[in-house]
Amino acid sequence: MRGQGKKYRAAVATLEPRKLYPPREAVEKVKATGYAGFDESVDVAVRLGVDPKHADQIVRGTVSLPNGTGKRIRVLVIAQGDRAKEAEAAGADFVGVEYVQKIKDGWLDTDVIVATPDVMGQLGPLGKVLGPRGLMPNPKAGTVTMDVAKAVKELKAGKIEFRVDKSGIVHAPIGKRSFAPEALDQNLHAFMEAVVRAKPAAAKGHYIRSVTVSTTMGPGVPVDLAGYV
């Protein structure tokens, strides 16, 4: 614990060593151990029994959290004509094909990019910029679509995308510390169901290795895997 602050050490001291907490109790612990002076995000980290080096073991997907993430999502829709008007009516923050040039010039003030299939050719050359930031639209994530209005509404309501990292871990926000325990529990359940559904056929052995929830500044609370494996 060397190098950690007093508040962090005090939060850790409230956790029972080596205990795996049932999901509802885990989110209650997360709320109780949060100590920052702002409304921290509550995040989940799932360690998977996959090897992301193999394409057939990549885990990715989307899930609509029933209670949202608590974060205002800025959505850029790259579309034209009627689709652009539909995106504006649905509440998109930025709309228009002119944003392709703006991105080339260094603009990246958005959280998600939705695009219609006919403009993806213009976005292709920006893969090296958008890809590493997780901003490249993808049909599997529902961000390459002609139904831009539906995509915008889902994203604004709490739809998130997840993808396993190089270490075999999936990270995602499931709400804010100010959320009620019931809301966090429901979001966690929805997320875990989505991860289980995304299990690749090539994955062997134990798929879900560990689940941990935490606030932005607080300690991780290990979650009992019963029901997830």
Protein backbone atom coordinates (compact mmCIF):
# COMPACT_ATOMS: atom_id res chain seq x y z
CA MET A 1 0.00 0.00 0.00
CA ARG A 2 3.07 2.24 0.03
CA GLY A 3 2.51 5.44 -1.90
CA GLN A 4 -1.27 5.39 -1.47
CA GLY A 5 -3.08 8.17 0.39
CA LYS A 6 -4.76 7.84 3.78
CA LYS A 7 -8.25 7.94 2.30
CA TYR A 8 -7.43 5.15 -0.14
CA ARG A 9 -5.89 3.00 2.60
CA ALA A 10 -8.94 3.61 4.78
CA ALA A 11 -11.23 2.52 1.93
CA VAL A 12 -9.21 -0.67 1.37
CA ALA A 13 -9.38 -1.45 5.10
CA THR A 14 -13.18 -1.76 4.86
CA LEU A 15 -12.88 -4.65 2.39
CA GLU A 16 -12.55 -8.21 3.63
CA PRO A 17 -9.34 -9.85 2.35
CA ARG A 18 -9.89 -12.44 -0.39
CA LYS A 19 -13.67 -12.07 -0.21
CA LEU A 20 -15.68 -12.18 -3.42
CA TYR A 21 -18.73 -9.95 -3.05
CA PRO A 22 -22.12 -10.74 -4.64
CA PRO A 23 -22.85 -8.14 -7.36
CA ARG A 24 -25.36 -6.09 -5.34
CA GLU A 25 -23.09 -6.05 -2.29
CA ALA A 26 -20.11 -5.21 -4.49
CA VAL A 27 -21.70 -2.05 -5.91
CA GLU A 28 -22.81 -1.03 -2.42
CA LYS A 29 -19.19 -1.40 -1.29
CA VAL A 30 -18.02 0.66 -4.24
CA LYS A 31 -20.38 3.46 -3.25
CA ALA A 32 -19.32 3.24 0.39
CA THR A 33 -15.58 3.27 -0.36
CA GLY A 34 -15.73 6.21 -2.76
CA TYR A 35 -14.10 9.25 -1.21
CA ALA A 36 -13.36 11.72 -4.00
CA GLY A 37 -14.96 15.15 -3.91
CA PHE A 38 -16.69 14.63 -7.27
CA ASP A 39 -19.19 12.18 -8.70
CA GLU A 40 -16.82 9.41 -9.70
CA SER A 41 -17.48 6.97 -12.50
CA VAL A 42 -18.08 3.38 -11.52
CA ASP A 43 -16.15 1.02 -13.78
CA VAL A 44 -16.02 -2.73 -14.26
CA ALA A 45 -12.96 -4.71 -15.35
CA VAL A 46 -13.48 -8.28 -16.55
CA ARG A 47 -10.46 -10.54 -17.03
CA LEU A 48 -11.20 -13.09 -19.73
CA GLY A 49 -9.69 -16.44 -20.60
CA VAL A 50 -8.97 -15.48 -24.21
CA ASP A 51 -5.85 -14.69 -26.21
CA PRO A 52 -6.55 -11.40 -28.06
CA LYS A 53 -3.53 -12.07 -30.31
CA HIS A 54 -5.76 -14.48 -32.21
CA ALA A 55 -8.46 -12.87 -34.33
CA ASP A 56 -10.95 -15.63 -33.52
CA GLN A 57 -10.68 -14.83 -29.80
CA ILE A 58 -11.38 -11.12 -29.99
CA VAL A 59 -14.27 -10.17 -27.71
CA ARG A 60 -16.28 -7.11 -28.64
CA GLY A 61 -19.87 -6.00 -28.58
CA THR A 62 -22.35 -3.38 -27.47
CA VAL A 63 -24.85 -3.14 -24.66
CA SER A 64 -27.55 -0.65 -23.74
CA LEU A 65 -27.24 -0.02 -20.02
CA PRO A 66 -30.76 0.20 -18.57
CA ASN A 67 -29.84 3.20 -16.42
CA GLY A 68 -27.30 4.86 -18.71
CA THR A 69 -23.73 5.77 -17.80
CA GLY A 70 -24.42 9.11 -16.15
CA LYS A 71 -22.11 10.75 -18.65
CA ARG A 72 -23.18 13.16 -21.36
CA ILE A 73 -22.19 11.50 -24.63
CA ARG A 74 -21.20 13.78 -27.51
CA VAL A 75 -22.25 12.18 -30.79
CA LEU A 76 -20.96 13.16 -34.21
CA VAL A 77 -22.96 11.94 -37.20
CA ILE A 78 -21.28 12.05 -40.58
CA ALA A 79 -24.13 11.95 -43.05
CA GLN A 80 -25.77 14.11 -45.66
CA GLY A 81 -29.22 15.01 -46.94
CA ASP A 82 -32.21 13.55 -45.12
CA ARG A 83 -30.00 11.39 -42.89
CA ALA A 84 -28.25 14.49 -41.59
CA LYS A 85 -31.61 16.09 -40.79
CA GLU A 86 -32.73 12.93 -38.99
CA ALA A 87 -29.56 12.95 -36.91
CA GLU A 88 -30.09 16.57 -35.90
CA ALA A 89 -33.70 15.85 -34.93
CA ALA A 90 -32.56 12.86 -32.83
CA GLY A 91 -30.22 15.04 -30.79
CA ALA A 92 -26.80 14.53 -32.38
CA ASP A 93 -24.28 17.11 -31.13
CA PHE A 94 -22.45 17.48 -34.44
CA VAL A 95 -23.70 16.64 -37.93
CA GLY A 96 -22.26 16.86 -41.42
CA VAL A 97 -19.66 15.51 -43.84
CA GLU A 98 -17.60 18.66 -43.31
CA TYR A 99 -16.40 17.09 -40.07
CA VAL A 100 -14.22 14.73 -42.11
CA GLN A 101 -11.99 17.67 -42.99
CA LYS A 102 -12.18 19.01 -39.45
CA ILE A 103 -10.90 15.67 -38.14
CA LYS A 104 -8.05 15.82 -40.66
CA ASP A 105 -7.26 19.24 -39.22
CA GLY A 106 -7.08 17.83 -35.70
CA TRP A 107 -10.65 18.17 -34.36
CA LEU A 108 -11.66 15.26 -32.10
CA ASP A 109 -14.10 16.76 -29.59
CA THR A 110 -16.57 13.89 -29.70
CA ASP A 111 -17.14 10.62 -27.83
CA VAL A 112 -18.75 8.58 -30.61
CA ILE A 113 -18.90 8.84 -34.39
CA VAL A 114 -21.85 7.48 -36.36
CA ALA A 115 -21.67 7.35 -40.15
CA THR A 116 -23.82 6.21 -43.03
CA PRO A 117 -22.29 3.56 -45.32
CA ASP A 118 -21.98 5.96 -48.28
CA VAL A 119 -19.50 8.22 -46.45
CA MET A 120 -17.28 5.50 -44.98
CA GLY A 121 -14.97 5.80 -47.97
CA GLN A 122 -14.09 9.30 -46.79
CA LEU A 123 -13.39 8.08 -43.26
CA GLY A 124 -11.18 5.17 -44.33
CA PRO A 125 -7.99 7.26 -44.62
CA LEU A 126 -8.55 8.47 -41.04
CA GLY A 127 -8.29 4.98 -39.57
CA LYS A 128 -4.88 5.62 -38.01
CA VAL A 129 -6.32 8.64 -36.19
CA LEU A 130 -9.73 7.29 -35.21
CA GLY A 131 -8.88 3.62 -34.66
CA PRO A 132 -6.55 3.97 -31.65
CA ARG A 133 -9.08 6.28 -29.98
CA GLY A 134 -11.96 3.86 -30.50
CA LEU A 135 -13.78 6.37 -32.69
CA MET A 136 -13.86 4.59 -36.04
CA PRO A 137 -17.47 3.73 -36.93
CA ASN A 138 -18.13 0.00 -37.17
CA PRO A 139 -21.16 -1.94 -38.43
CA LYS A 140 -20.84 -4.48 -35.57
CA ALA A 141 -21.12 -1.65 -33.06
CA GLY A 142 -24.13 -0.19 -34.86
CA THR A 143 -22.27 3.02 -35.68
CA VAL A 144 -22.29 2.44 -39.44
CA THR A 145 -25.96 2.56 -40.30
CA MET A 146 -28.61 4.26 -42.38
CA ASP A 147 -30.84 4.51 -39.31
CA VAL A 148 -28.79 7.30 -37.74
CA ALA A 149 -31.70 8.54 -35.62
CA LYS A 150 -31.96 5.18 -33.83
CA ALA A 151 -28.19 5.05 -33.32
CA VAL A 152 -28.10 8.53 -31.81
CA LYS A 153 -31.00 7.85 -29.45
CA GLU A 154 -29.45 4.58 -28.25
CA LEU A 155 -26.06 6.17 -27.64
CA LYS A 156 -27.61 9.07 -25.75
CA ALA A 157 -29.64 6.61 -23.65
CA GLY A 158 -26.57 4.66 -22.51
CA LYS A 159 -25.47 2.27 -25.24
CA ILE A 160 -21.76 1.52 -24.93
CA GLU A 161 -19.25 -0.49 -26.93
CA PHE A 162 -16.71 -2.81 -25.34
CA ARG A 163 -13.64 -4.59 -26.68
CA VAL A 164 -11.04 -6.79 -25.04
CA ASP A 165 -7.61 -5.18 -24.71
CA LYS A 166 -4.20 -6.75 -25.33
CA SER A 167 -4.13 -8.07 -21.76
CA GLY A 168 -7.39 -9.98 -22.15
CA ILE A 169 -9.36 -7.49 -20.06
CA VAL A 170 -12.61 -5.71 -20.90
CA HIS A 171 -13.16 -2.32 -19.23
CA ALA A 172 -16.37 -0.32 -19.24
CA PRO A 173 -18.22 2.39 -17.27
CA ILE A 174 -21.45 1.22 -15.66
CA GLY A 175 -22.60 4.45 -14.02
CA LYS A 176 -21.73 7.04 -11.41
CA ARG A 177 -21.20 6.79 -7.65
CA SER A 178 -24.36 8.88 -7.20
CA PHE A 179 -26.44 6.12 -8.83
CA ALA A 180 -28.65 4.05 -6.54
CA PRO A 181 -27.30 0.56 -5.78
CA GLU A 182 -30.21 -0.94 -7.74
CA ALA A 183 -29.25 1.05 -10.85
CA LEU A 184 -25.59 0.05 -10.66
CA ASP A 185 -26.53 -3.58 -10.05
CA GLN A 186 -28.84 -3.59 -13.08
CA ASN A 187 -26.19 -2.00 -15.28
CA LEU A 188 -23.56 -4.47 -14.11
CA HIS A 189 -25.89 -7.38 -14.81
CA ALA A 190 -26.69 -6.10 -18.32
CA PHE A 191 -23.00 -5.60 -19.08
CA MET A 192 -22.00 -9.07 -17.86
CA GLU A 193 -24.78 -10.68 -19.89
CA ALA A 194 -23.44 -8.93 -22.98
CA VAL A 195 -19.87 -10.10 -22.30
CA VAL A 196 -21.06 -13.68 -21.84
CA ARG A 197 -23.03 -13.51 -25.12
CA ALA A 198 -19.90 -12.23 -26.88
CA LYS A 199 -17.88 -15.33 -25.95
CA PRO A 200 -16.01 -16.45 -29.07
CA ALA A 201 -16.36 -20.07 -30.16
CA ALA A 202 -12.56 -20.43 -30.08
CA ALA A 203 -12.35 -19.58 -26.36
CA LYS A 204 -11.41 -22.61 -24.30
CA GLY A 205 -11.46 -23.26 -20.55
CA HIS A 206 -12.74 -20.67 -18.09
CA TYR A 207 -14.05 -17.67 -20.01
CA ILE A 208 -14.73 -15.25 -17.13
CA ARG A 209 -11.63 -15.27 -14.91
CA SER A 210 -12.39 -12.34 -12.60
CA VAL A 211 -14.67 -9.33 -12.27
CA THR A 212 -13.78 -6.18 -10.36
CA VAL A 213 -15.76 -2.98 -9.86
CA SER A 214 -14.30 0.31 -8.65
CA THR A 215 -14.77 4.05 -8.65
CA THR A 216 -12.36 6.36 -10.45
CA MET A 217 -10.22 6.89 -7.36
CA GLY A 218 -11.27 4.02 -5.10
CA PRO A 219 -10.07 0.44 -4.62
CA GLY A 220 -11.28 -2.48 -6.68
CA VAL A 221 -14.01 -4.67 -5.20
CA PRO A 222 -13.83 -8.30 -6.43
CA VAL A 223 -17.16 -9.72 -7.58
CA ASP A 224 -18.39 -13.27 -7.04
CA LEU A 225 -18.43 -15.02 -10.44
CA ALA A 226 -21.45 -17.20 -9.60
CA GLY A 227 -23.96 -16.76 -12.40
CA TYR A 228 -21.37 -15.51 -14.88
CA VAL A 229 -19.48 -18.75 -15.56
